[in-house]
N, C-alpha and C. Protein backbone atom coordinates (compact mmCIF):
# COMPACT_ATOMS: atom_id res chain seq x y z
N MET A 1 113.94 95.15 123.43
CA MET A 1 114.89 95.94 123.19
C MET A 1 116.04 95.56 124.21
N SER A 2 117.37 95.64 123.61
CA SER A 2 118.45 95.17 124.47
C SER A 2 118.95 96.28 125.31
N PRO A 3 119.70 95.87 126.40
CA PRO A 3 120.02 96.89 127.44
C PRO A 3 120.89 97.99 126.74
N VAL A 4 121.66 97.72 125.67
CA VAL A 4 122.54 98.60 125.22
C VAL A 4 121.69 99.68 124.42
N SER A 5 120.66 99.07 123.48
CA SER A 5 119.72 99.97 122.93
C SER A 5 118.92 101.01 123.64
N LEU A 6 118.50 100.26 124.80
CA LEU A 6 117.73 101.10 125.79
C LEU A 6 118.61 102.22 126.42
N LEU A 7 119.89 102.05 126.69
CA LEU A 7 120.77 103.06 127.20
C LEU A 7 120.94 104.02 126.10
N LEU A 8 121.26 103.60 124.92
CA LEU A 8 121.50 104.59 123.76
C LEU A 8 120.26 105.43 123.46
N ASN A 9 119.05 104.78 123.62
CA ASN A 9 117.84 105.59 123.29
C ASN A 9 117.68 106.66 124.48
N ILE A 10 117.93 106.35 125.73
CA ILE A 10 117.76 107.34 126.95
C ILE A 10 118.79 108.46 126.67
N LEU A 11 120.09 108.10 126.22
CA LEU A 11 121.08 109.09 125.92
C LEU A 11 120.68 110.01 124.86
N TRP A 12 120.09 109.30 123.76
CA TRP A 12 119.58 110.00 122.61
C TRP A 12 118.53 111.17 122.81
N ILE A 13 117.58 110.74 123.79
CA ILE A 13 116.57 111.69 124.21
C ILE A 13 117.07 112.88 124.93
N VAL A 14 118.04 112.43 125.77
CA VAL A 14 118.63 113.55 126.68
C VAL A 14 119.47 114.52 125.77
N CYS A 15 120.05 113.99 124.85
CA CYS A 15 121.18 114.74 124.13
C CYS A 15 120.54 115.36 122.88
N GLY A 16 119.14 115.50 122.83
CA GLY A 16 118.57 116.25 121.82
C GLY A 16 117.76 115.61 120.78
N GLY A 17 117.64 114.22 120.89
CA GLY A 17 116.78 113.63 119.88
C GLY A 17 115.28 114.06 119.92
N ILE A 18 114.90 114.45 121.16
CA ILE A 18 113.47 114.81 121.37
C ILE A 18 113.25 116.05 120.40
N TRP A 19 114.19 116.99 120.12
CA TRP A 19 113.79 118.15 119.40
C TRP A 19 113.60 117.64 117.91
N MET A 20 114.42 116.78 117.37
CA MET A 20 114.08 116.39 115.89
C MET A 20 112.62 115.66 115.91
N ALA A 21 112.33 114.80 116.95
CA ALA A 21 110.98 114.18 117.00
C ALA A 21 109.87 115.32 116.99
N ALA A 22 110.10 116.46 117.63
CA ALA A 22 109.23 117.52 117.66
C ALA A 22 109.05 118.02 116.26
N GLY A 23 110.09 118.14 115.57
CA GLY A 23 110.06 118.53 114.18
C GLY A 23 109.26 117.70 113.25
N TRP A 24 109.37 116.46 113.52
CA TRP A 24 108.60 115.40 112.83
C TRP A 24 107.08 115.61 113.08
N LEU A 25 106.80 115.83 114.43
CA LEU A 25 105.48 116.10 114.95
C LEU A 25 104.85 117.29 114.27
N ILE A 26 105.68 118.40 114.19
CA ILE A 26 105.17 119.65 113.50
C ILE A 26 104.75 119.29 112.08
N ALA A 27 105.67 118.48 111.34
CA ALA A 27 105.44 118.21 109.96
C ALA A 27 104.05 117.30 109.86
N ALA A 28 103.93 116.39 110.77
CA ALA A 28 102.66 115.57 110.76
C ALA A 28 101.47 116.53 110.98
N LEU A 29 101.56 117.33 111.95
CA LEU A 29 100.39 118.29 112.16
C LEU A 29 100.16 119.11 110.95
N ILE A 30 101.06 119.67 110.27
CA ILE A 30 100.81 120.46 109.11
C ILE A 30 100.17 119.69 108.09
N MET A 31 100.77 118.50 107.85
CA MET A 31 100.25 117.66 106.92
C MET A 31 98.59 117.22 107.21
N ALA A 32 98.53 117.02 108.37
CA ALA A 32 96.98 116.57 108.87
C ALA A 32 96.17 117.58 108.64
N ILE A 33 96.48 118.94 108.98
CA ILE A 33 95.54 119.93 108.79
C ILE A 33 95.11 120.11 107.32
N THR A 34 96.02 119.86 106.40
CA THR A 34 95.54 119.97 105.05
C THR A 34 94.61 118.95 104.54
N ILE A 35 94.29 117.91 105.25
CA ILE A 35 93.43 116.74 104.87
C ILE A 35 94.11 116.03 103.77
N ILE A 36 94.58 116.62 102.68
CA ILE A 36 95.18 115.96 101.61
C ILE A 36 96.50 115.35 101.96
N GLY A 37 97.22 115.86 102.95
CA GLY A 37 98.46 115.37 103.39
C GLY A 37 98.33 114.27 104.41
N LEU A 38 97.15 113.66 104.64
CA LEU A 38 97.07 112.54 105.62
C LEU A 38 98.08 111.45 105.43
N PRO A 39 98.23 110.93 104.24
CA PRO A 39 99.23 109.79 104.10
C PRO A 39 100.64 110.17 104.55
N TRP A 40 100.94 111.52 104.28
CA TRP A 40 102.25 111.96 104.76
C TRP A 40 102.24 112.19 106.22
N ALA A 41 101.04 112.56 106.79
CA ALA A 41 101.09 112.77 108.26
C ALA A 41 101.34 111.38 108.89
N LYS A 42 100.67 110.37 108.40
CA LYS A 42 100.91 108.97 109.07
C LYS A 42 102.33 108.56 108.83
N ALA A 43 102.87 108.89 107.80
CA ALA A 43 104.42 108.55 107.67
C ALA A 43 105.23 109.30 108.69
N ALA A 44 104.94 110.64 108.74
CA ALA A 44 105.63 111.45 109.64
C ALA A 44 105.54 111.07 111.15
N LEU A 45 104.30 110.68 111.51
CA LEU A 45 104.09 110.18 112.85
C LEU A 45 104.82 108.96 113.16
N ASN A 46 104.99 107.99 112.18
CA ASN A 46 105.70 106.82 112.42
C ASN A 46 107.32 107.19 112.47
N ILE A 47 107.70 108.07 111.76
CA ILE A 47 109.09 108.47 111.82
C ILE A 47 109.41 109.21 113.07
N ALA A 48 108.50 109.92 113.56
CA ALA A 48 108.55 110.90 114.90
C ALA A 48 108.79 109.75 115.88
N VAL A 49 108.18 108.61 115.84
CA VAL A 49 108.33 107.51 116.98
C VAL A 49 109.83 106.83 116.83
N TYR A 50 110.13 106.64 115.53
CA TYR A 50 111.49 106.30 115.29
C TYR A 50 112.58 107.18 115.60
N THR A 51 112.29 108.46 115.62
CA THR A 51 113.24 109.51 115.93
C THR A 51 113.36 109.54 117.46
N VAL A 52 112.44 109.34 118.24
CA VAL A 52 112.43 109.20 119.49
C VAL A 52 113.33 107.94 120.02
N LEU A 53 113.09 106.79 119.42
CA LEU A 53 113.73 105.59 119.87
C LEU A 53 114.41 104.92 118.60
N PRO A 54 115.53 105.49 118.14
CA PRO A 54 116.09 105.02 116.91
C PRO A 54 116.97 103.78 117.05
N PHE A 55 117.52 103.60 118.23
CA PHE A 55 118.35 102.36 118.45
C PHE A 55 117.53 101.17 118.71
N GLY A 56 117.81 100.05 117.96
CA GLY A 56 117.08 98.78 118.13
C GLY A 56 116.09 98.55 116.92
N TYR A 57 116.03 99.73 116.09
CA TYR A 57 115.07 99.60 114.92
C TYR A 57 115.73 99.95 113.71
N THR A 58 115.31 99.55 112.57
CA THR A 58 115.77 99.79 111.42
C THR A 58 114.64 100.12 110.33
N VAL A 59 114.98 100.53 109.19
CA VAL A 59 114.18 100.81 108.10
C VAL A 59 114.36 99.80 106.90
N ILE A 60 113.22 99.28 106.46
CA ILE A 60 113.37 98.37 105.33
C ILE A 60 112.32 98.86 104.29
N ASP A 61 112.56 98.50 103.09
CA ASP A 61 111.59 98.89 102.08
C ASP A 61 110.39 97.87 102.01
N LYS A 62 109.26 98.39 101.79
CA LYS A 62 108.05 97.54 101.58
C LYS A 62 107.91 97.09 100.38
N PRO A 63 107.23 95.95 100.12
CA PRO A 63 107.04 95.46 98.81
C PRO A 63 106.13 96.39 97.96
N PRO A 64 106.36 96.68 96.87
CA PRO A 64 105.46 97.56 96.02
C PRO A 64 104.07 97.06 96.00
N GLY A 65 103.15 98.01 95.93
CA GLY A 65 101.68 97.87 95.90
C GLY A 65 101.28 97.40 94.54
N PRO A 66 99.91 97.41 94.33
CA PRO A 66 99.45 96.97 93.04
C PRO A 66 99.78 97.83 91.76
N PHE A 67 100.17 99.08 92.17
CA PHE A 67 100.48 99.88 91.06
C PHE A 67 102.02 100.09 90.95
N GLY A 68 102.75 99.12 91.47
CA GLY A 68 104.22 99.06 91.38
C GLY A 68 104.89 100.21 92.15
N GLY A 69 104.37 100.80 93.11
CA GLY A 69 105.00 101.86 93.79
C GLY A 69 104.93 103.29 93.28
N ALA A 70 104.00 103.33 92.30
CA ALA A 70 103.89 104.73 91.49
C ALA A 70 103.39 105.72 92.50
N PHE A 71 102.44 105.26 93.37
CA PHE A 71 101.89 106.38 94.41
C PHE A 71 102.98 106.76 95.31
N ALA A 72 103.73 105.75 95.75
CA ALA A 72 104.76 106.23 96.71
C ALA A 72 105.85 107.12 95.99
N LEU A 73 106.15 106.89 94.84
CA LEU A 73 107.01 107.74 94.10
C LEU A 73 106.62 109.15 93.98
N VAL A 74 105.34 109.28 93.50
CA VAL A 74 104.76 110.63 93.44
C VAL A 74 104.67 111.34 94.90
N GLY A 75 104.19 110.50 95.86
CA GLY A 75 104.05 111.02 97.25
C GLY A 75 105.32 111.40 97.74
N ASN A 76 106.43 110.71 97.43
CA ASN A 76 107.81 111.12 97.95
C ASN A 76 108.20 112.27 97.25
N ILE A 77 108.03 112.61 96.10
CA ILE A 77 108.41 113.80 95.48
C ILE A 77 107.72 115.00 96.00
N VAL A 78 106.47 114.73 96.27
CA VAL A 78 105.70 115.93 96.99
C VAL A 78 106.21 116.18 98.41
N TRP A 79 106.49 115.06 99.09
CA TRP A 79 107.12 115.18 100.37
C TRP A 79 108.41 115.78 100.43
N PHE A 80 109.23 115.55 99.42
CA PHE A 80 110.51 116.07 99.45
C PHE A 80 110.48 117.60 99.21
N VAL A 81 109.48 117.99 98.46
CA VAL A 81 109.46 119.56 98.13
C VAL A 81 108.87 120.20 99.36
N LEU A 82 107.86 119.56 100.02
CA LEU A 82 107.19 120.21 101.17
C LEU A 82 107.80 120.26 102.50
N ALA A 83 108.28 119.00 102.81
CA ALA A 83 109.00 118.81 104.10
C ALA A 83 110.23 118.10 104.28
N GLY A 84 110.41 117.28 103.33
CA GLY A 84 111.58 116.26 103.39
C GLY A 84 112.93 117.03 103.42
N TRP A 85 113.21 118.00 102.73
CA TRP A 85 114.55 118.58 102.67
C TRP A 85 114.87 119.38 103.99
N TRP A 86 113.88 119.99 104.47
CA TRP A 86 114.24 120.64 105.82
C TRP A 86 114.36 119.86 106.99
N LEU A 87 113.55 118.67 106.99
CA LEU A 87 113.88 117.67 108.05
C LEU A 87 115.14 116.92 107.85
N ALA A 88 115.58 116.67 106.58
CA ALA A 88 116.78 116.12 106.43
C ALA A 88 118.06 117.04 106.76
N LEU A 89 117.82 118.45 106.37
CA LEU A 89 118.87 119.35 106.75
C LEU A 89 119.02 119.40 108.21
N GLY A 90 118.09 119.43 108.90
CA GLY A 90 118.04 119.46 110.49
C GLY A 90 118.74 118.23 111.07
N HIS A 91 118.55 117.09 110.41
CA HIS A 91 119.24 115.79 110.95
C HIS A 91 120.84 115.87 110.49
N LEU A 92 121.04 116.52 109.32
CA LEU A 92 122.46 116.59 108.92
C LEU A 92 123.30 117.52 109.76
N ILE A 93 122.66 118.65 109.99
CA ILE A 93 123.27 119.72 110.81
C ILE A 93 123.53 118.89 112.29
N ALA A 94 122.58 118.19 112.91
CA ALA A 94 122.68 117.61 114.12
C ALA A 94 123.85 116.53 114.04
N ALA A 95 123.89 115.85 112.95
CA ALA A 95 124.97 114.83 112.70
C ALA A 95 126.38 115.45 112.69
N VAL A 96 126.49 116.50 111.95
CA VAL A 96 127.83 117.10 112.01
C VAL A 96 128.22 117.61 113.42
N ILE A 97 127.34 118.23 114.09
CA ILE A 97 127.64 118.69 115.35
C ILE A 97 128.03 117.61 116.45
N LEU A 98 127.19 116.45 116.35
CA LEU A 98 127.51 115.32 117.18
C LEU A 98 128.79 114.58 116.77
N ALA A 99 129.16 114.65 115.45
CA ALA A 99 130.33 113.85 114.86
C ALA A 99 131.66 114.46 115.44
N VAL A 100 131.70 115.69 115.87
CA VAL A 100 132.77 116.27 116.30
C VAL A 100 133.30 115.67 117.44
N THR A 101 132.57 115.08 118.39
CA THR A 101 133.10 114.28 119.43
C THR A 101 132.99 112.85 119.28
N ILE A 102 133.87 112.07 119.82
CA ILE A 102 133.90 110.63 119.65
C ILE A 102 132.66 110.01 120.25
N ILE A 103 132.26 110.49 121.37
CA ILE A 103 131.01 110.10 122.20
C ILE A 103 129.80 110.20 121.41
N GLY A 104 129.79 111.26 120.46
CA GLY A 104 128.61 111.56 119.71
C GLY A 104 128.45 110.83 118.39
N LEU A 105 129.45 109.96 118.06
CA LEU A 105 129.42 109.33 116.79
C LEU A 105 128.27 108.40 116.59
N PRO A 106 127.76 107.51 117.51
CA PRO A 106 126.64 106.70 117.34
C PRO A 106 125.46 107.58 117.16
N PHE A 107 125.40 108.75 117.77
CA PHE A 107 124.13 109.60 117.61
C PHE A 107 124.23 110.22 116.18
N ALA A 108 125.47 110.62 115.71
CA ALA A 108 125.55 111.18 114.43
C ALA A 108 125.11 110.20 113.26
N TRP A 109 125.46 108.85 113.54
CA TRP A 109 125.08 107.86 112.58
C TRP A 109 123.62 107.71 112.67
N ALA A 110 123.01 107.83 113.66
CA ALA A 110 121.45 107.68 113.78
C ALA A 110 120.79 108.87 113.18
N HIS A 111 121.31 110.12 113.31
CA HIS A 111 120.83 111.21 112.55
C HIS A 111 120.94 111.11 111.01
N LEU A 112 122.20 110.45 110.62
CA LEU A 112 122.34 110.30 109.13
C LEU A 112 121.16 109.23 108.63
N LYS A 113 121.06 108.16 109.40
CA LYS A 113 120.03 107.18 108.95
C LYS A 113 118.55 108.01 108.98
N LEU A 114 118.35 108.82 109.80
CA LEU A 114 117.05 109.53 109.81
C LEU A 114 117.06 110.66 108.68
N ALA A 115 118.09 111.11 108.35
CA ALA A 115 118.10 112.13 107.19
C ALA A 115 117.74 111.41 105.93
N GLY A 116 118.29 110.15 105.83
CA GLY A 116 117.85 109.34 104.69
C GLY A 116 116.34 109.12 104.45
N ILE A 117 115.75 108.72 105.50
CA ILE A 117 114.27 108.38 105.62
C ILE A 117 113.56 109.79 105.50
N SER A 118 114.07 110.91 105.93
CA SER A 118 113.49 112.25 105.87
C SER A 118 113.29 112.48 104.36
N LEU A 119 114.20 112.19 103.46
CA LEU A 119 113.95 112.56 102.15
C LEU A 119 112.96 111.62 101.43
N TRP A 120 112.82 110.44 101.75
CA TRP A 120 111.99 109.45 100.95
C TRP A 120 111.27 108.57 101.80
N PRO A 121 110.21 108.95 102.59
CA PRO A 121 109.68 108.04 103.66
C PRO A 121 108.54 107.06 103.16
N LEU A 122 107.90 107.37 102.14
CA LEU A 122 106.82 106.47 101.74
C LEU A 122 107.42 105.16 101.02
N GLY A 123 106.80 104.16 101.36
CA GLY A 123 107.27 102.85 100.65
C GLY A 123 108.25 102.25 101.56
N ARG A 124 108.46 102.71 102.83
CA ARG A 124 109.47 102.19 103.73
C ARG A 124 108.72 101.84 105.01
N GLU A 125 109.39 100.91 105.80
CA GLU A 125 108.75 100.44 107.05
C GLU A 125 109.77 100.49 108.27
N ILE A 126 109.47 100.85 109.39
CA ILE A 126 110.30 100.85 110.45
C ILE A 126 109.96 99.56 111.29
N VAL A 127 110.97 98.68 111.54
CA VAL A 127 110.91 97.40 112.12
C VAL A 127 112.00 97.28 113.28
N PRO A 128 111.67 96.37 114.23
CA PRO A 128 112.90 96.07 115.10
C PRO A 128 113.98 95.27 114.42
N ILE A 129 115.09 95.53 114.64
CA ILE A 129 116.39 94.93 114.04
C ILE A 129 116.17 93.33 114.03
N ASN A 130 115.65 92.81 115.00
CA ASN A 130 115.48 91.43 114.93
C ASN A 130 114.58 90.95 113.84
N ALA A 131 113.43 91.64 113.66
CA ALA A 131 112.46 91.32 112.66
C ALA A 131 113.07 91.50 111.21
N ALA A 132 113.88 92.55 111.08
CA ALA A 132 114.59 92.96 109.85
C ALA A 132 115.33 91.64 109.24
N TYR A 133 115.98 91.03 110.07
CA TYR A 133 116.92 89.95 109.73
C TYR A 133 116.10 88.66 109.38
N ARG A 134 114.93 88.53 110.09
CA ARG A 134 114.03 87.39 109.77
C ARG A 134 113.15 87.48 108.66
N ALA A 135 112.80 88.73 108.37
CA ALA A 135 111.89 88.92 107.25
C ALA A 135 112.46 88.90 105.88
N PRO A 136 111.87 88.10 104.95
CA PRO A 136 112.33 88.09 103.51
C PRO A 136 112.18 89.52 102.94
N ARG A 137 113.28 89.86 102.22
CA ARG A 137 113.16 91.16 101.37
C ARG A 137 112.84 91.11 100.04
């Protein structure tokens, strides 16, 4: 992780990024309790880690599985109904609040990226930025 990414991640945590990560952890816990929601719980835990340290990482699409991504599509629809919309709404509200100040613009942009993955998390992967540029898509 570059020094700039490290500094931005520290400022992110101090300025409230930890609260959205807590929201992701609550979503993961609720999904894990249901047993049926374990695939969503795993995705939510991965995104919770990404929410704690968003700078220096990016989201890429995974190659489709043997069923052409049909399971991810159905899973994402269920996710959107159960948890995706309220997590995305939280990120959007935080982005608007942070975008009011010039200093908060990088954090607002990070919240917008997180709002996008909040809506459709399955079939995506969080990787370091360096790996995203090297990996074939």
